């Protein structure tokens, strides 16, 4: 009997130790990027010297300087590893392998063409090498930006644009570092580029504008994200048109692979903003012939709002998150526990500096779809909204217990983040946060594995002050050289 009791106690103790190891400890660092005045810092995270640790390239736009912070086994240095003055007329820069010299070069596009700086173990040479001579047309007031060629649309991925007044030439660098033009884009407009605000790498305000310019030059058109579903389905078209006339309603088409069959399905997410906010989710599963059915496969009428979105005037929102990482998307919603209908309820929320919500999750079941009743519910409390972007205070991102499933972060107070871990007991999440981080009151929250230990890290950016607070997980397996 005593042996059985000792064995049982040992198993409980062992389980507690294993579970405790799933909760990481974080060390905090604050990086103050040198700035001559309040400006706008652009952070870019990449493993520059290819040692397995993500480094920081911080661009100060008004000063036109780039600062490199190379991470080592103890974290990021307090002072920049290297400072680089950008050439006159710089429009954009990136890290790109354009030369046989080991490592990615720093590629910079200017009004005189493109140059690059070679790298030696994370340190860039100060003498630039010419790549392309060209008199490029850039708006004189344009601030330099950082681009990521690998994240562009598939056809433009890893290409280099050279911009002229009436056309853009697209170059590509092959595996032997031979540079050759692969496409020339003629503009319909010939006089000025001022109509675009130059917030992206080529000739448009964003990637959709770049594509629109390309299709216009080819005599095609691409009007909006709703165009394709409207062409495919009369039901969606009528619903979108009907919603446009309603002031307290919003409608958005979400394209996701919902049922794990490899085909992109379509969901019409319809928010009705009344005393009690409701969301209708109208799902069209893609048929085997690639078409959408005339009628929806399922209509869900849910209380609350999708967990991902811009509010109070939504321009984008989506209820879909693959929480179990099984290829089927869950529907995740939040609703207020108590409606703020009176002065006393509003005052209570202000005094407590928080709002109480119910988070609900619906699972997709093969052959049945989603249930109208939630499969899982839990209570959470967030800070009062500080912006129109809901992502600022609740975020489904990161894997802090290394189980391959997303955890979620709640901004509980101006200086506190609560992290809810995915549950090992069969529920979706632990109902109490296992991690609490003291964070700066200002700054947007982002998640990424910066030290390659398999556990997500957190950083908060105060763009205007150039202050970046980094929380690195303490891992038993340290990687990278110590300095």
Protein backbone atom coordinates (compact mmCIF):
# COMPACT_ATOMS: atom_id res chain seq x y z
CA UNK A 1 0.00 0.00 0.00
CA UNK A 2 2.79 2.41 0.96
CA UNK A 3 4.60 1.54 -2.27
CA UNK A 4 1.48 2.38 -4.27
CA UNK A 5 1.10 5.72 -2.46
CA UNK A 6 4.78 6.60 -3.04
CA UNK A 7 4.46 5.63 -6.72
CA UNK A 8 1.31 7.74 -7.15
CA UNK A 9 2.92 10.75 -5.46
CA UNK A 10 5.96 10.38 -7.69
CA UNK A 11 3.79 10.33 -10.80
CA UNK A 12 1.98 13.49 -9.72
CA UNK A 13 5.29 15.17 -8.91
CA UNK A 14 6.77 14.10 -12.27
CA UNK A 15 3.70 15.40 -14.13
CA UNK A 16 4.04 18.70 -12.28
CA UNK A 17 7.71 18.98 -13.22
CA UNK A 18 7.01 18.20 -16.88
CA UNK A 19 4.17 20.70 -17.01
CA UNK A 20 6.23 23.36 -15.25
CA UNK A 21 8.91 22.96 -17.90
CA UNK A 22 6.28 23.85 -20.51
CA UNK A 23 6.04 27.36 -19.01
CA UNK A 24 9.10 29.37 -20.02
CA UNK A 25 10.77 32.18 -18.14
CA UNK A 26 11.44 35.39 -20.05
CA UNK A 27 14.21 37.92 -19.72
CA UNK A 28 13.47 41.48 -20.73
CA UNK A 29 15.66 43.82 -22.73
CA UNK A 30 14.88 47.33 -23.94
CA UNK A 31 16.54 48.51 -27.15
CA UNK A 32 16.62 52.28 -27.63
CA UNK A 33 17.37 52.94 -31.29
CA UNK A 34 19.44 56.16 -31.67
CA UNK A 35 17.23 58.93 -33.11
CA UNK A 36 17.92 62.64 -33.55
CA UNK A 37 14.27 63.46 -32.77
CA UNK A 38 10.89 61.80 -32.54
CA UNK A 39 10.66 59.95 -35.82
CA UNK A 40 9.50 56.59 -37.11
CA UNK A 41 11.64 53.50 -36.62
CA UNK A 42 11.14 50.56 -38.96
CA UNK A 43 12.28 47.25 -37.39
CA UNK A 44 13.25 44.31 -39.58
CA UNK A 45 14.02 40.94 -38.00
CA UNK A 46 16.26 38.52 -39.88
CA UNK A 47 19.12 36.11 -39.19
CA UNK A 48 21.74 38.33 -40.81
CA UNK A 49 24.89 36.29 -40.04
CA UNK A 50 23.13 32.90 -40.29
CA UNK A 51 23.97 31.70 -36.79
CA UNK A 52 20.42 30.56 -35.97
CA UNK A 53 19.55 33.72 -34.02
CA UNK A 54 17.31 36.44 -35.40
CA UNK A 55 19.01 39.84 -35.56
CA UNK A 56 17.54 43.33 -35.76
CA UNK A 57 17.93 45.87 -38.54
CA UNK A 58 16.35 49.15 -37.40
CA UNK A 59 15.74 51.86 -40.00
CA UNK A 60 15.31 55.44 -38.77
CA UNK A 61 13.53 57.04 -41.70
CA UNK A 62 14.06 60.76 -41.09
CA UNK A 63 17.75 60.32 -40.25
CA UNK A 64 18.12 57.88 -43.17
CA UNK A 65 20.22 55.54 -41.07
CA UNK A 66 20.14 51.80 -40.52
CA UNK A 67 21.31 50.23 -37.25
CA UNK A 68 22.30 46.56 -36.96
CA UNK A 69 21.89 44.65 -33.66
CA UNK A 70 23.43 41.17 -33.83
CA UNK A 71 21.93 38.81 -31.25
CA UNK A 72 24.22 36.49 -29.27
CA UNK A 73 23.68 33.91 -26.54
CA UNK A 74 22.93 36.61 -23.97
CA UNK A 75 20.45 38.49 -26.14
CA UNK A 76 20.69 41.75 -28.03
CA UNK A 77 23.47 44.30 -27.39
CA UNK A 78 22.53 47.57 -25.72
CA UNK A 79 24.30 49.56 -28.45
CA UNK A 80 24.13 48.94 -32.21
CA UNK A 81 26.67 46.50 -33.60
CA UNK A 82 26.92 48.68 -36.70
CA UNK A 83 25.51 51.96 -38.02
CA UNK A 84 25.03 52.58 -41.76
CA UNK A 85 24.31 55.92 -43.43
CA UNK A 86 22.02 55.34 -46.40
CA UNK A 87 23.02 56.76 -49.79
CA UNK A 88 21.32 59.92 -51.02
CA UNK A 89 17.95 59.28 -52.64
CA UNK A 90 17.41 55.85 -51.05
CA UNK A 91 13.92 54.50 -51.73
CA UNK A 92 14.17 51.05 -50.20
CA UNK A 93 16.62 48.51 -48.83
CA UNK A 94 16.58 44.79 -48.16
CA UNK A 95 18.86 41.84 -47.38
CA UNK A 96 19.27 39.79 -50.55
CA UNK A 97 21.89 37.38 -51.92
CA UNK A 98 23.03 39.08 -55.15
CA UNK A 99 26.76 38.25 -55.03
CA UNK A 100 28.85 35.07 -54.70
CA UNK A 101 30.42 36.51 -51.53
CA UNK A 102 29.14 34.50 -48.51
CA UNK A 103 25.98 35.78 -46.83
CA UNK A 104 23.18 38.11 -47.86
CA UNK A 105 24.14 41.55 -49.13
CA UNK A 106 22.41 44.76 -48.11
CA UNK A 107 20.72 45.80 -51.36
CA UNK A 108 19.73 49.47 -51.66
CA UNK A 109 17.66 51.12 -54.40
CA UNK A 110 18.33 54.82 -55.02
CA UNK A 111 17.53 57.47 -57.62
CA UNK A 112 20.81 56.54 -59.34
CA UNK A 113 20.22 52.80 -59.43
CA UNK A 114 20.92 49.85 -57.15
CA UNK A 115 23.98 49.22 -55.01
CA UNK A 116 24.86 46.60 -52.41
CA UNK A 117 27.13 46.23 -49.39
CA UNK A 118 28.85 42.88 -48.88
CA UNK A 119 28.65 41.14 -45.50
CA UNK A 120 31.34 39.52 -43.38
CA UNK A 121 29.78 37.52 -40.53
CA UNK A 122 27.07 40.11 -39.91
CA UNK A 123 29.22 43.20 -40.48
CA UNK A 124 28.68 45.04 -43.77
CA UNK A 125 31.51 46.59 -45.75
CA UNK A 126 31.31 50.37 -45.99
CA UNK A 127 32.17 50.61 -49.69
CA UNK A 128 29.14 49.92 -51.92
CA UNK A 129 29.26 47.85 -55.10
CA UNK A 130 27.15 48.78 -58.14
CA UNK A 131 24.46 46.35 -59.25
CA UNK A 132 22.37 48.37 -61.73
CA UNK A 133 22.91 51.89 -63.07
CA UNK A 134 19.56 53.57 -63.70
CA UNK A 135 17.91 56.94 -63.24
CA UNK A 136 14.95 55.83 -61.15
CA UNK A 137 11.85 57.95 -60.60
CA UNK A 138 11.06 58.31 -56.92
CA UNK A 139 9.02 60.96 -55.14
CA UNK A 140 11.46 63.39 -53.51
CA UNK A 141 9.54 63.41 -50.22
CA UNK A 142 9.52 59.62 -49.98
CA UNK A 143 11.06 58.16 -46.81
CA UNK A 144 13.15 55.00 -47.25
CA UNK A 145 11.50 51.69 -46.41
CA UNK A 146 12.52 48.05 -45.94
CA UNK A 147 11.11 45.40 -48.26
CA UNK A 148 11.03 41.59 -48.10
CA UNK A 149 11.24 40.15 -51.65
CA UNK A 150 10.39 36.66 -50.42
CA UNK A 151 6.96 37.80 -49.18
CA UNK A 152 5.77 39.36 -52.43
CA UNK A 153 3.03 37.75 -54.55
CA UNK A 154 4.21 34.51 -56.16
CA UNK A 155 4.92 35.95 -59.60
CA UNK A 156 6.96 38.81 -58.12
CA UNK A 157 8.71 36.82 -55.38
CA UNK A 158 12.45 37.44 -55.11
CA UNK A 159 12.50 39.98 -57.94
CA UNK A 160 14.18 43.39 -58.15
CA UNK A 161 12.24 46.34 -59.62
CA UNK A 162 13.86 49.25 -61.46
CA UNK A 163 11.36 52.11 -61.71
CA UNK A 164 11.22 54.59 -64.61
CA UNK A 165 8.70 57.32 -65.40
CA UNK A 166 6.58 55.23 -67.77
CA UNK A 167 7.54 51.63 -67.01
CA UNK A 168 9.13 49.29 -64.48
CA UNK A 169 11.66 46.60 -65.39
CA UNK A 170 11.58 43.49 -63.21
CA UNK A 171 14.95 41.76 -62.73
CA UNK A 172 15.71 38.36 -61.28
CA UNK A 173 19.01 36.98 -59.98
CA UNK A 174 19.65 33.29 -60.75
CA UNK A 175 21.64 30.72 -58.74
CA UNK A 176 24.83 31.79 -60.51
CA UNK A 177 24.22 35.43 -59.58
CA UNK A 178 23.46 36.42 -63.16
CA UNK A 179 21.04 39.34 -63.23
CA UNK A 180 18.57 39.52 -66.10
CA UNK A 181 15.31 41.36 -66.91
CA UNK A 182 12.31 39.03 -66.90
CA UNK A 183 9.43 41.45 -67.42
CA UNK A 184 8.66 45.04 -68.40
CA UNK A 185 5.51 46.74 -67.09
CA UNK A 186 4.14 49.67 -69.11
CA UNK A 187 2.03 52.24 -67.25
CA UNK A 188 -1.22 53.63 -68.58
CA UNK A 189 -0.36 56.97 -66.98
CA UNK A 190 2.77 58.69 -68.29
CA UNK A 191 3.18 61.95 -66.39
CA UNK A 192 3.54 61.58 -62.64
CA UNK A 193 3.98 59.00 -59.91
CA UNK A 194 2.70 61.32 -57.17
CA UNK A 195 -0.72 59.62 -57.25
CA UNK A 196 0.79 56.78 -55.22
CA UNK A 197 2.17 57.29 -51.74
CA UNK A 198 5.14 54.96 -52.14
CA UNK A 199 4.64 52.87 -49.03
CA UNK A 200 5.74 49.76 -50.85
CA UNK A 201 8.65 48.39 -52.83
CA UNK A 202 7.63 49.34 -56.35
CA UNK A 203 5.00 51.64 -57.80
CA UNK A 204 1.93 51.27 -55.62
CA UNK A 205 0.67 51.98 -52.14
CA UNK A 206 0.47 48.28 -51.33
CA UNK A 207 0.77 44.91 -53.05
CA UNK A 208 -2.82 45.06 -54.32
CA UNK A 209 -2.05 48.38 -56.05
CA UNK A 210 1.02 46.89 -57.69
CA UNK A 211 -1.07 44.04 -59.06
CA UNK A 212 -3.75 46.48 -60.16
CA UNK A 213 -1.19 48.52 -62.11
CA UNK A 214 0.08 45.34 -63.79
CA UNK A 215 -3.38 44.19 -64.81
CA UNK A 216 -4.31 47.68 -66.03
CA UNK A 217 -1.21 47.71 -68.21
CA UNK A 218 -2.35 44.36 -69.62
CA UNK A 219 -5.86 45.63 -70.28
CA UNK A 220 -7.46 43.76 -67.37
CA UNK A 221 -9.02 44.93 -64.13
CA UNK A 222 -9.14 43.81 -60.53
CA UNK A 223 -11.61 45.86 -58.55
CA UNK A 224 -11.89 44.44 -55.05
CA UNK A 225 -11.54 41.39 -52.88
CA UNK A 226 -15.26 40.70 -53.27
CA UNK A 227 -15.18 40.55 -57.07
CA UNK A 228 -14.33 36.87 -57.54
CA UNK A 229 -16.92 35.48 -55.06
CA UNK A 230 -19.56 37.83 -56.51
CA UNK A 231 -18.88 36.46 -59.98
CA UNK A 232 -19.15 32.91 -58.68
CA UNK A 233 -22.21 33.29 -56.52
CA UNK A 234 -25.41 35.37 -56.79
CA UNK A 235 -26.23 34.80 -53.11
CA UNK A 236 -22.98 36.48 -51.99
CA UNK A 237 -23.43 39.33 -54.47
CA UNK A 238 -26.95 40.11 -53.24
CA UNK A 239 -25.87 39.87 -49.60
CA UNK A 240 -22.98 42.28 -50.10
CA UNK A 241 -25.17 44.79 -51.93
CA UNK A 242 -27.89 44.52 -49.29
CA UNK A 243 -25.44 45.13 -46.45
CA UNK A 244 -23.99 48.27 -48.06
CA UNK A 245 -27.28 50.04 -47.40
CA UNK A 246 -27.23 49.28 -43.65
CA UNK A 247 -25.34 51.69 -41.38
CA UNK A 248 -24.95 49.30 -38.44
CA UNK A 249 -23.95 46.29 -40.50
CA UNK A 250 -20.71 45.14 -42.07
CA UNK A 251 -19.95 42.30 -44.42
CA UNK A 252 -16.67 40.71 -45.47
CA UNK A 253 -15.74 37.76 -47.66
CA UNK A 254 -13.14 35.45 -46.09
CA UNK A 255 -11.34 32.88 -48.22
CA UNK A 256 -9.99 29.98 -46.18
CA UNK A 257 -9.48 26.24 -46.52
CA UNK A 258 -12.10 25.36 -43.92
CA UNK A 259 -12.58 21.60 -44.20
CA UNK A 260 -9.02 20.49 -44.92
CA UNK A 261 -9.63 19.19 -48.46
CA UNK A 262 -7.02 21.44 -50.09
CA UNK A 263 -9.59 23.71 -51.76
CA UNK A 264 -10.19 27.35 -50.86
CA UNK A 265 -13.67 27.77 -49.40
CA UNK A 266 -15.58 31.02 -48.97
CA UNK A 267 -17.33 32.42 -45.90
CA UNK A 268 -19.42 35.56 -45.80
CA UNK A 269 -19.01 37.13 -42.35
CA UNK A 270 -21.91 39.46 -41.61
CA UNK A 271 -21.81 41.59 -38.45
CA UNK A 272 -25.01 43.19 -37.14
CA UNK A 273 -24.21 45.96 -34.66
CA UNK A 274 -27.20 46.38 -32.39
CA UNK A 275 -27.65 46.54 -28.62
CA UNK A 276 -26.35 42.97 -28.62
CA UNK A 277 -23.82 42.48 -31.43
CA UNK A 278 -24.33 39.35 -33.53
CA UNK A 279 -22.37 37.76 -36.35
CA UNK A 280 -23.81 35.61 -39.12
CA UNK A 281 -21.27 33.27 -40.71
CA UNK A 282 -22.43 31.97 -44.09
CA UNK A 283 -20.22 29.14 -45.35
CA UNK A 284 -19.78 27.91 -48.91
CA UNK A 285 -17.57 24.81 -49.18
CA UNK A 286 -15.82 24.36 -52.51
CA UNK A 287 -17.26 21.48 -54.53
CA UNK A 288 -15.16 18.80 -56.28
CA UNK A 289 -15.51 20.64 -59.61
CA UNK A 290 -14.08 23.78 -57.99
CA UNK A 291 -17.36 25.71 -57.93
CA UNK A 292 -19.36 27.15 -55.08
CA UNK A 293 -22.91 25.94 -54.56
CA UNK A 294 -25.84 28.26 -55.23
CA UNK A 295 -26.88 28.02 -51.59
CA UNK A 296 -24.62 28.02 -48.51
CA UNK A 297 -23.59 24.74 -46.91
CA UNK A 298 -24.17 26.21 -43.47
CA UNK A 299 -25.42 29.40 -41.82
CA UNK A 300 -24.32 30.09 -38.24
CA UNK A 301 -25.87 32.80 -36.10
CA UNK A 302 -23.38 33.64 -33.37
CA UNK A 303 -23.39 36.13 -30.54
CA UNK A 304 -20.46 38.52 -30.36
CA UNK A 305 -17.78 39.31 -32.91
CA UNK A 306 -14.89 37.46 -34.58
CA UNK A 307 -11.74 37.52 -32.51
CA UNK A 308 -9.65 38.89 -35.40
CA UNK A 309 -10.69 42.24 -36.82
CA UNK A 310 -10.68 46.03 -36.99
CA UNK A 311 -13.43 47.63 -34.94
CA UNK A 312 -15.72 49.56 -34.46
CA UNK A 313 -15.93 50.08 -38.25
CA UNK A 314 -14.65 46.77 -39.53
CA UNK A 315 -12.67 46.73 -42.74
CA UNK A 316 -11.40 43.20 -42.13
CA UNK A 317 -12.43 40.48 -39.71
CA UNK A 318 -12.27 36.70 -39.57
CA UNK A 319 -13.45 34.13 -37.04
CA UNK A 320 -11.19 31.33 -38.30
CA UNK A 321 -8.18 29.97 -36.37
CA UNK A 322 -6.65 26.50 -36.70
CA UNK A 323 -6.17 25.95 -33.00
CA UNK A 324 -5.61 22.18 -33.07
CA UNK A 325 -3.34 22.34 -36.15
CA UNK A 326 -5.32 19.46 -37.64
CA UNK A 327 -6.16 21.19 -40.93
CA UNK A 328 -9.72 22.05 -39.86
CA UNK A 329 -10.43 25.66 -38.91
CA UNK A 330 -12.12 26.50 -35.62
CA UNK A 331 -14.52 29.45 -35.31
CA UNK A 332 -13.40 31.72 -32.47
CA UNK A 333 -15.69 34.49 -31.21
CA UNK A 334 -15.85 36.83 -28.24
CA UNK A 335 -18.86 38.51 -26.67
CA UNK A 336 -19.25 40.86 -23.73
CA UNK A 337 -20.44 39.13 -20.57
CA UNK A 338 -22.58 42.14 -19.68
CA UNK A 339 -23.81 44.81 -22.08
CA UNK A 340 -22.75 48.37 -21.29
CA UNK A 341 -26.28 49.77 -21.27
CA UNK A 342 -26.13 52.12 -18.30
CA UNK A 343 -23.88 54.83 -16.93
CA UNK A 344 -23.04 52.63 -13.94
CA UNK A 345 -21.88 49.73 -16.14
CA UNK A 346 -19.70 52.07 -18.21
CA UNK A 347 -18.26 53.64 -15.03
CA UNK A 348 -17.52 50.18 -13.61
CA UNK A 349 -15.61 49.24 -16.76
CA UNK A 350 -13.60 52.47 -16.61
CA UNK A 351 -12.80 52.07 -12.90
CA UNK A 352 -11.78 48.42 -13.29
CA UNK A 353 -9.87 49.34 -16.46
CA UNK A 354 -11.14 46.22 -18.13
CA UNK A 355 -13.89 44.48 -20.05
CA UNK A 356 -15.15 40.99 -19.27
CA UNK A 357 -15.67 38.71 -22.27
CA UNK A 358 -16.74 35.17 -23.04
CA UNK A 359 -14.47 33.48 -25.60
CA UNK A 360 -16.17 30.67 -27.53
CA UNK A 361 -14.76 28.04 -29.89
CA UNK A 362 -16.63 25.89 -32.40
CA UNK A 363 -14.97 22.86 -33.98
CA UNK A 364 -15.45 21.70 -37.55
CA UNK A 365 -16.62 18.09 -37.66
CA UNK A 366 -16.28 16.05 -40.85
CA UNK A 367 -19.70 15.53 -42.46
CA UNK A 368 -21.44 17.76 -39.91
CA UNK A 369 -19.76 21.15 -40.10
CA UNK A 370 -19.96 23.53 -37.14
CA UNK A 371 -22.36 23.37 -34.24
CA UNK A 372 -24.52 26.38 -33.42
CA UNK A 373 -23.55 25.84 -29.78
CA UNK A 374 -19.93 26.42 -28.80
CA UNK A 375 -17.78 23.39 -28.04
CA UNK A 376 -15.70 25.38 -25.56
CA UNK A 377 -16.19 28.61 -23.59
CA UNK A 378 -14.02 30.54 -21.17
CA UNK A 379 -13.99 33.94 -19.47
CA UNK A 380 -11.27 36.50 -20.18
CA UNK A 381 -10.74 40.11 -19.18
CA UNK A 382 -9.02 42.64 -21.42
CA UNK A 383 -7.95 46.22 -21.09
CA UNK A 384 -10.38 48.84 -22.37
CA UNK A 385 -9.85 49.21 -26.13
CA UNK A 386 -7.02 51.63 -26.89
CA UNK A 387 -7.38 51.55 -30.68
CA UNK A 388 -9.69 50.38 -33.41
CA UNK A 389 -7.53 47.31 -34.00
CA UNK A 390 -8.64 44.45 -31.81
CA UNK A 391 -5.28 42.76 -32.33
CA UNK A 392 -3.80 45.36 -29.96
CA UNK A 393 -5.29 43.65 -26.92
CA UNK A 394 -6.11 40.06 -27.83
CA UNK A 395 -3.88 38.04 -30.13
CA UNK A 396 -3.98 34.38 -31.18
CA UNK A 397 -0.33 33.88 -31.96
CA UNK A 398 2.76 32.19 -30.63
CA UNK A 399 3.56 28.81 -29.13
CA UNK A 400 4.87 29.26 -25.60
CA UNK A 401 4.69 25.64 -24.43
CA UNK A 402 6.14 24.09 -27.63
CA UNK A 403 3.19 21.80 -28.32
CA UNK A 404 2.69 23.02 -31.91
CA UNK A 405 -0.60 24.80 -31.18
CA UNK A 406 -1.22 28.54 -30.98
CA UNK A 407 -1.61 30.12 -27.55
CA UNK A 408 -3.20 33.51 -27.07
CA UNK A 409 -2.16 36.78 -25.47
CA UNK A 410 -4.47 39.20 -23.68
CA UNK A 411 -3.55 42.77 -22.77
CA UNK A 412 -5.02 42.65 -19.26
CA UNK A 413 -3.78 46.07 -18.16
CA UNK A 414 -1.75 48.86 -19.78
CA UNK A 415 1.44 47.27 -18.42
CA UNK A 416 0.44 43.60 -18.24
CA UNK A 417 0.13 40.80 -20.80
CA UNK A 418 -1.53 37.53 -19.81
CA UNK A 419 -0.70 34.42 -21.84
CA UNK A 420 -3.16 31.52 -21.99
CA UNK A 421 -1.54 28.23 -22.95
CA UNK A 422 -3.14 25.44 -24.96
CA UNK A 423 -4.35 22.81 -22.54
CA UNK A 424 -2.93 19.24 -22.26
CA UNK A 425 -6.14 18.02 -20.57
CA UNK A 426 -8.44 17.92 -23.60
CA UNK A 427 -9.79 21.44 -23.33
CA UNK A 428 -8.62 24.00 -25.83
CA UNK A 429 -6.96 26.32 -23.29
CA UNK A 430 -6.12 26.56 -19.63
CA UNK A 431 -8.74 28.79 -18.08
CA UNK A 432 -6.18 30.75 -16.09
CA UNK A 433 -3.10 32.40 -17.61
CA UNK A 434 0.13 30.59 -16.79
CA UNK A 435 2.30 33.53 -17.86
CA UNK A 436 2.19 37.19 -16.88
CA UNK A 437 4.55 39.74 -18.40
CA UNK A 438 5.10 43.31 -17.25
CA UNK A 439 5.26 45.29 -20.49
CA UNK A 440 5.56 48.95 -21.52
CA UNK A 441 2.28 50.85 -21.54
CA UNK A 442 2.93 51.98 -25.11
CA UNK A 443 3.75 49.86 -28.12
CA UNK A 444 2.16 47.19 -30.29
CA UNK A 445 2.72 43.52 -29.45
CA UNK A 446 4.35 41.04 -31.84
CA UNK A 447 5.34 37.38 -31.52
CA UNK A 448 8.27 35.52 -33.11
CA UNK A 449 10.84 32.90 -32.14
CA UNK A 450 13.88 35.18 -32.06
CA UNK A 451 16.40 32.85 -30.41
CA UNK A 452 15.48 29.62 -32.25
CA UNK A 453 14.67 27.58 -29.15
CA UNK A 454 11.23 26.49 -30.38
CA UNK A 455 9.43 28.77 -27.92
CA UNK A 456 7.86 32.04 -29.04
CA UNK A 457 9.29 35.35 -27.88
CA UNK A 458 7.48 38.68 -27.57
CA UNK A 459 8.48 42.18 -28.53
CA UNK A 460 6.67 45.51 -28.26
CA UNK A 461 7.49 48.45 -30.53
CA UNK A 462 6.99 52.13 -29.77
CA UNK A 463 7.55 53.26 -33.34
CA UNK A 464 7.70 57.01 -32.73
CA UNK A 465 10.17 56.83 -29.85
CA UNK A 466 12.31 54.07 -31.34
CA UNK A 467 11.97 51.93 -28.22
CA UNK A 468 11.72 48.15 -28.58
CA UNK A 469 11.05 45.95 -25.53
CA UNK A 470 12.12 42.34 -26.19
CA UNK A 471 11.14 39.35 -24.04
CA UNK A 472 13.36 36.36 -24.85
CA UNK A 473 12.49 32.91 -23.53
CA UNK A 474 15.13 31.34 -21.29
CA UNK A 475 15.93 28.00 -22.91
CA UNK A 476 18.14 25.24 -21.55
CA UNK A 477 19.65 24.91 -25.04
CA UNK A 478 21.52 28.10 -25.82
CA UNK A 479 22.35 28.68 -29.46
CA UNK A 480 24.71 31.03 -31.19
CA UNK A 481 28.16 32.29 -30.27
CA UNK A 482 28.68 34.16 -27.02
CA UNK A 483 30.29 37.56 -27.11
